Amino acid sequence: SKPTAAIFVDVQNIYYTCRESHRRN
């Protein structure tokens, strides 16, 4: 009964922004 979704992950972008913003993965 849930709506459907498609996920798209820009892995490099998420890796580097999390490292820079939070110093974590």
PDB file of all heavy atoms in Angstrom:
ATOM      1  N   SER A   1       0.829  -1.200   0.000  1.00  0.00           N
ATOM      2  CA  SER A   1       0.000   0.000   0.000  1.00  0.00           C
ATOM      3  C   SER A   1       0.869   1.258   0.000  1.00  0.00           C
ATOM      4  O   SER A   1       0.365   2.368  -0.084  1.00  0.00           O
ATOM      5  CB  SER A   1      -0.917   0.003   1.225  1.00  0.00           C
ATOM      6  OG  SER A   1      -0.135  -0.027   2.398  1.00  0.00           O
ATOM      7  N   LYS A   2       2.182   1.046   0.092  1.00  0.00           N
ATOM      8  CA  LYS A   2       3.107   2.183   0.096  1.00  0.00           C
ATOM      9  C   LYS A   2       3.308   2.701  -1.326  1.00  0.00           C
ATOM     10  O   LYS A   2       3.267   1.928  -2.284  1.00  0.00           O
ATOM     11  CB  LYS A   2       4.479   1.746   0.617  1.00  0.00           C
ATOM     12  CG  LYS A   2       4.532   1.346   2.057  1.00  0.00           C
ATOM     13  CD  LYS A   2       5.982   0.982   2.399  1.00  0.00           C
ATOM     14  CE  LYS A   2       6.055   0.080   3.597  1.00  0.00           C
ATOM     15  NZ  LYS A   2       7.417  -0.406   3.799  1.00  0.00           N
ATOM     16  N   PRO A   3       3.602   3.997  -1.462  1.00  0.00           N
ATOM     17  CA  PRO A   3       3.989   4.507  -2.776  1.00  0.00           C
ATOM     18  C   PRO A   3       5.331   3.886  -3.195  1.00  0.00           C
ATOM     19  O   PRO A   3       6.098   3.421  -2.354  1.00  0.00           O
ATOM     20  CB  PRO A   3       4.116   6.017  -2.561  1.00  0.00           C
ATOM     21  CG  PRO A   3       4.232   6.213  -1.096  1.00  0.00           C
ATOM     22  CD  PRO A   3       3.600   5.022  -0.428  1.00  0.00           C
ATOM     23  N   THR A   4       5.583   3.876  -4.490  1.00  0.00           N
ATOM     24  CA  THR A   4       6.814   3.288  -5.013  1.00  0.00           C
ATOM     25  C   THR A   4       7.905   4.344  -5.167  1.00  0.00           C
ATOM     26  O   THR A   4       7.609   5.530  -5.329  1.00  0.00           O
ATOM     27  CB  THR A   4       6.564   2.613  -6.371  1.00  0.00           C
ATOM     28  OG1 THR A   4       6.033   3.590  -7.282  1.00  0.00           O
ATOM     29  CG2 THR A   4       5.597   1.437  -6.236  1.00  0.00           C
ATOM     30  N   ALA A   5       9.155   3.876  -5.130  1.00  0.00           N
ATOM     31  CA  ALA A   5      10.288   4.799  -5.278  1.00  0.00           C
ATOM     32  C   ALA A   5      11.425   4.149  -6.037  1.00  0.00           C
ATOM     33  O   ALA A   5      11.601   2.927  -6.017  1.00  0.00           O
ATOM     34  CB  ALA A   5      10.788   5.253  -3.909  1.00  0.00           C
ATOM     35  N   ALA A   6      12.198   4.989  -6.679  1.00  0.00           N
ATOM     36  CA  ALA A   6      13.464   4.612  -7.309  1.00  0.00           C
ATOM     37  C   ALA A   6      14.548   5.476  -6.667  1.00  0.00           C
ATOM     38  O   ALA A   6      14.343   6.677  -6.456  1.00  0.00           O
ATOM     39  CB  ALA A   6      13.410   4.839  -8.815  1.00  0.00           C
ATOM     40  N   ILE A   7      15.675   4.847  -6.341  1.00  0.00           N
ATOM     41  CA  ILE A   7      16.775   5.524  -5.644  1.00  0.00           C
ATOM     42  C   ILE A   7      17.990   5.607  -6.559  1.00  0.00           C
ATOM     43  O   ILE A   7      18.353   4.621  -7.214  1.00  0.00           O
ATOM     44  CB  ILE A   7      17.156   4.752  -4.362  1.00  0.00           C
ATOM     45  CG1 ILE A   7      15.965   4.651  -3.415  1.00  0.00           C
ATOM     46  CG2 ILE A   7      18.368   5.393  -3.673  1.00  0.00           C
ATOM     47  CD1 ILE A   7      16.180   3.671  -2.258  1.00  0.00           C
ATOM     48  N   PHE A   8      18.637   6.770  -6.538  1.00  0.00           N
ATOM     49  CA  PHE A   8      19.820   7.017  -7.350  1.00  0.00           C
ATOM     50  C   PHE A   8      20.882   7.666  -6.463  1.00  0.00           C
ATOM     51  O   PHE A   8      20.675   8.775  -5.977  1.00  0.00           O
ATOM     52  CB  PHE A   8      19.473   7.932  -8.529  1.00  0.00           C
ATOM     53  CG  PHE A   8      18.332   7.387  -9.344  1.00  0.00           C
ATOM     54  CD1 PHE A   8      17.026   7.728  -9.037  1.00  0.00           C
ATOM     55  CD2 PHE A   8      18.560   6.476 -10.367  1.00  0.00           C
ATOM     56  CE1 PHE A   8      15.955   7.196  -9.742  1.00  0.00           C
ATOM     57  CE2 PHE A   8      17.498   5.934 -11.086  1.00  0.00           C
ATOM     58  CZ  PHE A   8      16.197   6.288 -10.768  1.00  0.00           C
ATOM     59  N   VAL A   9      22.002   6.964  -6.245  1.00  0.00           N
ATOM     60  CA  VAL A   9      23.047   7.448  -5.339  1.00  0.00           C
ATOM     61  C   VAL A   9      24.300   7.833  -6.116  1.00  0.00           C
ATOM     62  O   VAL A   9      24.917   6.997  -6.777  1.00  0.00           O
ATOM     63  CB  VAL A   9      23.435   6.382  -4.286  1.00  0.00           C
ATOM     64  CG1 VAL A   9      24.486   6.944  -3.322  1.00  0.00           C
ATOM     65  CG2 VAL A   9      22.219   5.872  -3.530  1.00  0.00           C
ATOM     66  N   ASP A  10      24.681   9.087  -6.003  1.00  0.00           N
ATOM     67  CA  ASP A  10      25.957   9.588  -6.521  1.00  0.00           C
ATOM     68  C   ASP A  10      26.987   9.297  -5.419  1.00  0.00           C
ATOM     69  O   ASP A  10      27.211  10.114  -4.530  1.00  0.00           O
ATOM     70  CB  ASP A  10      25.804  11.088  -6.792  1.00  0.00           C
ATOM     71  CG  ASP A  10      27.034  11.729  -7.405  1.00  0.00           C
ATOM     72  OD1 ASP A  10      28.113  11.107  -7.417  1.00  0.00           O
ATOM     73  OD2 ASP A  10      26.899  12.892  -7.843  1.00  0.00           O
ATOM     74  N   VAL A  11      27.569   8.089  -5.457  1.00  0.00           N
ATOM     75  CA  VAL A  11      28.394   7.593  -4.357  1.00  0.00           C
ATOM     76  C   VAL A  11      29.548   8.534  -4.018  1.00  0.00           C
ATOM     77  O   VAL A  11      29.780   8.842  -2.844  1.00  0.00           O
ATOM     78  CB  VAL A  11      28.913   6.159  -4.660  1.00  0.00           C
ATOM     79  CG1 VAL A  11      29.931   5.712  -3.623  1.00  0.00           C
ATOM     80  CG2 VAL A  11      27.752   5.182  -4.721  1.00  0.00           C
ATOM     81  N   GLN A  12      30.271   9.010  -5.018  1.00  0.00           N
ATOM     82  CA  GLN A  12      31.414   9.890  -4.746  1.00  0.00           C
ATOM     83  C   GLN A  12      30.960  11.177  -4.078  1.00  0.00           C
ATOM     84  O   GLN A  12      31.573  11.640  -3.127  1.00  0.00           O
ATOM     85  CB  GLN A  12      32.183  10.203  -6.040  1.00  0.00           C
ATOM     86  CG  GLN A  12      33.387   9.325  -6.306  1.00  0.00           C
ATOM     87  CD  GLN A  12      33.074   7.840  -6.514  1.00  0.00           C
ATOM     88  OE1 GLN A  12      31.982   7.463  -6.927  1.00  0.00           O
ATOM     89  NE2 GLN A  12      34.037   6.990  -6.219  1.00  0.00           N
ATOM     90  N   ASN A  13      29.882  11.765  -4.573  1.00  0.00           N
ATOM     91  CA  ASN A  13      29.387  13.011  -4.001  1.00  0.00           C
ATOM     92  C   ASN A  13      29.005  12.815  -2.539  1.00  0.00           C
ATOM     93  O   ASN A  13      29.376  13.621  -1.677  1.00  0.00           O
ATOM     94  CB  ASN A  13      28.196  13.518  -4.823  1.00  0.00           C
ATOM     95  CG  ASN A  13      27.666  14.841  -4.324  1.00  0.00           C
ATOM     96  OD1 ASN A  13      26.928  14.896  -3.340  1.00  0.00           O
ATOM     97  ND2 ASN A  13      28.044  15.920  -4.981  1.00  0.00           N
ATOM     98  N   ILE A  14      28.285  11.749  -2.239  1.00  0.00           N
ATOM     99  CA  ILE A  14      27.859  11.496  -0.859  1.00  0.00           C
ATOM    100  C   ILE A  14      29.070  11.211   0.037  1.00  0.00           C
ATOM    101  O   ILE A  14      29.145  11.709   1.160  1.00  0.00           O
ATOM    102  CB  ILE A  14      26.821  10.344  -0.808  1.00  0.00           C
ATOM    103  CG1 ILE A  14      25.513  10.789  -1.475  1.00  0.00           C
ATOM    104  CG2 ILE A  14      26.580   9.854   0.617  1.00  0.00           C
ATOM    105  CD1 ILE A  14      24.834  11.999  -0.834  1.00  0.00           C
ATOM    106  N   TYR A  15      30.016  10.452  -0.468  1.00  0.00           N
ATOM    107  CA  TYR A  15      31.216  10.142   0.322  1.00  0.00           C
ATOM    108  C   TYR A  15      31.955  11.438   0.707  1.00  0.00           C
ATOM    109  O   TYR A  15      32.232  11.679   1.875  1.00  0.00           O
ATOM    110  CB  TYR A  15      32.153   9.206  -0.451  1.00  0.00           C
ATOM    111  CG  TYR A  15      33.458   8.979   0.269  1.00  0.00           C
ATOM    112  CD1 TYR A  15      33.537   8.087   1.339  1.00  0.00           C
ATOM    113  CD2 TYR A  15      34.608   9.679  -0.089  1.00  0.00           C
ATOM    114  CE1 TYR A  15      34.727   7.888   2.023  1.00  0.00           C
ATOM    115  CE2 TYR A  15      35.798   9.487   0.588  1.00  0.00           C
ATOM    116  CZ  TYR A  15      35.858   8.588   1.643  1.00  0.00           C
ATOM    117  OH  TYR A  15      37.045   8.407   2.323  1.00  0.00           O
ATOM    118  N   TYR A  16      32.260  12.253  -0.295  1.00  0.00           N
ATOM    119  CA  TYR A  16      33.072  13.441  -0.030  1.00  0.00           C
ATOM    120  C   TYR A  16      32.322  14.511   0.763  1.00  0.00           C
ATOM    121  O   TYR A  16      32.918  15.164   1.625  1.00  0.00           O
ATOM    122  CB  TYR A  16      33.653  14.016  -1.331  1.00  0.00           C
ATOM    123  CG  TYR A  16      34.746  13.125  -1.875  1.00  0.00           C
ATOM    124  CD1 TYR A  16      34.564  12.387  -3.033  1.00  0.00           C
ATOM    125  CD2 TYR A  16      35.958  12.988  -1.196  1.00  0.00           C
ATOM    126  CE1 TYR A  16      35.568  11.544  -3.509  1.00  0.00           C
ATOM    127  CE2 TYR A  16      36.958  12.150  -1.663  1.00  0.00           C
ATOM    128  CZ  TYR A  16      36.758  11.433  -2.819  1.00  0.00           C
ATOM    129  OH  TYR A  16      37.743  10.601  -3.286  1.00  0.00           O
ATOM    130  N   THR A  17      31.025  14.695   0.507  1.00  0.00           N
ATOM    131  CA  THR A  17      30.302  15.717   1.262  1.00  0.00           C
ATOM    132  C   THR A  17      30.106  15.293   2.723  1.00  0.00           C
ATOM    133  O   THR A  17      30.198  16.134   3.612  1.00  0.00           O
ATOM    134  CB  THR A  17      28.949  16.073   0.612  1.00  0.00           C
ATOM    135  OG1 THR A  17      28.149  14.907   0.481  1.00  0.00           O
ATOM    136  CG2 THR A  17      29.143  16.732  -0.745  1.00  0.00           C
ATOM    137  N   CYS A  18      29.872  14.001   2.964  1.00  0.00           N
ATOM    138  CA  CYS A  18      29.738  13.539   4.359  1.00  0.00           C
ATOM    139  C   CYS A  18      31.073  13.658   5.093  1.00  0.00           C
ATOM    140  O   CYS A  18      31.108  14.054   6.262  1.00  0.00           O
ATOM    141  CB  CYS A  18      29.246  12.091   4.411  1.00  0.00           C
ATOM    142  SG  CYS A  18      27.489  11.926   4.031  1.00  0.00           S
ATOM    143  N   ARG A  19      32.164  13.324   4.409  1.00  0.00           N
ATOM    144  CA  ARG A  19      33.487  13.449   5.027  1.00  0.00           C
ATOM    145  C   ARG A  19      33.784  14.911   5.357  1.00  0.00           C
ATOM    146  O   ARG A  19      34.280  15.220   6.432  1.00  0.00           O
ATOM    147  CB  ARG A  19      34.592  12.894   4.116  1.00  0.00           C
ATOM    148  CG  ARG A  19      34.496  11.420   3.806  1.00  0.00           C
ATOM    149  CD  ARG A  19      34.657  10.492   4.980  1.00  0.00           C
ATOM    150  NE  ARG A  19      35.931  10.643   5.649  1.00  0.00           N
ATOM    151  CZ  ARG A  19      36.213  10.142   6.846  1.00  0.00           C
ATOM    152  NH1 ARG A  19      35.322   9.439   7.494  1.00  0.00           N
ATOM    153  NH2 ARG A  19      37.392  10.314   7.390  1.00  0.00           N
ATOM    154  N   GLU A  20      33.468  15.807   4.418  1.00  0.00           N
ATOM    155  CA  GLU A  20      33.772  17.225   4.637  1.00  0.00           C
ATOM    156  C   GLU A  20      32.850  17.859   5.671  1.00  0.00           C
ATOM    157  O   GLU A  20      33.300  18.617   6.523  1.00  0.00           O
ATOM    158  CB  GLU A  20      33.697  17.992   3.308  1.00  0.00           C
ATOM    159  CG  GLU A  20      34.200  19.418   3.444  1.00  0.00           C
ATOM    160  CD  GLU A  20      34.328  20.136   2.118  1.00  0.00           C
ATOM    161  OE1 GLU A  20      34.705  19.504   1.118  1.00  0.00           O
ATOM    162  OE2 GLU A  20      34.064  21.352   2.102  1.00  0.00           O
ATOM    163  N   SER A  21      31.564  17.547   5.600  1.00  0.00           N
ATOM    164  CA  SER A  21      30.589  18.167   6.509  1.00  0.00           C
ATOM    165  C   SER A  21      30.620  17.595   7.917  1.00  0.00           C
ATOM    166  O   SER A  21      30.444  18.321   8.882  1.00  0.00           O
ATOM    167  CB  SER A  21      29.166  17.987   5.979  1.00  0.00           C
ATOM    168  OG  SER A  21      28.972  18.723   4.822  1.00  0.00           O
ATOM    169  N   HIS A  22      30.778  16.279   8.007  1.00  0.00           N
ATOM    170  CA  HIS A  22      30.592  15.597   9.292  1.00  0.00           C
ATOM    171  C   HIS A  22      31.802  14.784   9.766  1.00  0.00           C
ATOM    172  O   HIS A  22      31.759  14.220  10.858  1.00  0.00           O
ATOM    173  CB  HIS A  22      29.378  14.657   9.211  1.00  0.00           C
ATOM    174  CG  HIS A  22      28.108  15.340   8.825  1.00  0.00           C
ATOM    175  ND1 HIS A  22      27.410  16.177   9.676  1.00  0.00           N
ATOM    176  CD2 HIS A  22      27.400  15.330   7.663  1.00  0.00           C
ATOM    177  CE1 HIS A  22      26.328  16.636   9.055  1.00  0.00           C
ATOM    178  NE2 HIS A  22      26.306  16.148   7.841  1.00  0.00           N
ATOM    179  N   ARG A  23      32.821  14.645   8.894  1.00  0.00           N
ATOM    180  CA  ARG A  23      33.994  13.816   9.217  1.00  0.00           C
ATOM    181  C   ARG A  23      33.596  12.364   9.489  1.00  0.00           C
ATOM    182  O   ARG A  23      34.214  11.677  10.290  1.00  0.00           O
ATOM    183  CB  ARG A  23      34.781  14.359  10.421  1.00  0.00           C
ATOM    184  CG  ARG A  23      35.168  15.812  10.340  1.00  0.00           C
ATOM    185  CD  ARG A  23      36.488  16.007   9.612  1.00  0.00           C
ATOM    186  NE  ARG A  23      36.885  17.390   9.539  1.00  0.00           N
ATOM    187  CZ  ARG A  23      36.611  18.200   8.497  1.00  0.00           C
ATOM    188  NH1 ARG A  23      35.916  17.757   7.484  1.00  0.00           N
ATOM    189  NH2 ARG A  23      37.030  19.432   8.480  1.00  0.00           N
ATOM    190  N   ARG A  24      32.496  11.941   8.863  1.00  0.00           N
ATOM    191  CA  ARG A  24      31.989  10.582   9.041  1.00  0.00           C
ATOM    192  C   ARG A  24      31.488  10.040   7.708  1.00  0.00           C
ATOM    193  O   ARG A  24      31.300  10.793   6.758  1.00  0.00           O
ATOM    194  CB  ARG A  24      30.844  10.579  10.076  1.00  0.00           C
ATOM    195  CG  ARG A  24      31.370  10.838  11.479  1.00  0.00           C
ATOM    196  CD  ARG A  24      30.313  11.308  12.437  1.00  0.00           C
ATOM    197  NE  ARG A  24      29.293  10.298  12.720  1.00  0.00           N
ATOM    198  CZ  ARG A  24      28.150  10.590  13.334  1.00  0.00           C
ATOM    199  NH1 ARG A  24      27.887  11.817  13.704  1.00  0.00           N
ATOM    200  NH2 ARG A  24      27.269   9.648  13.570  1.00  0.00           N
ATOM    201  N   ASN A  25      31.215   8.752   7.690  1.00  0.00           N
ATOM    202  CA  ASN A  25      30.704   8.109   6.484  1.00  0.00           C
ATOM    203  C   ASN A  25      29.188   7.964   6.541  1.00  0.00           C
ATOM    204  O   ASN A  25      28.596   7.841   7.620  1.00  0.00           O
ATOM    205  CB  ASN A  25      31.342   6.730   6.285  1.00  0.00           C
ATOM    206  CG  ASN A  25      32.791   6.830   5.868  1.00  0.00           C
ATOM    207  OD1 ASN A  25      33.167   7.701   5.086  1.00  0.00           O
ATOM    208  ND2 ASN A  25      33.617   5.950   6.393  1.00  0.00           N
TER     209      ASN A  25
END
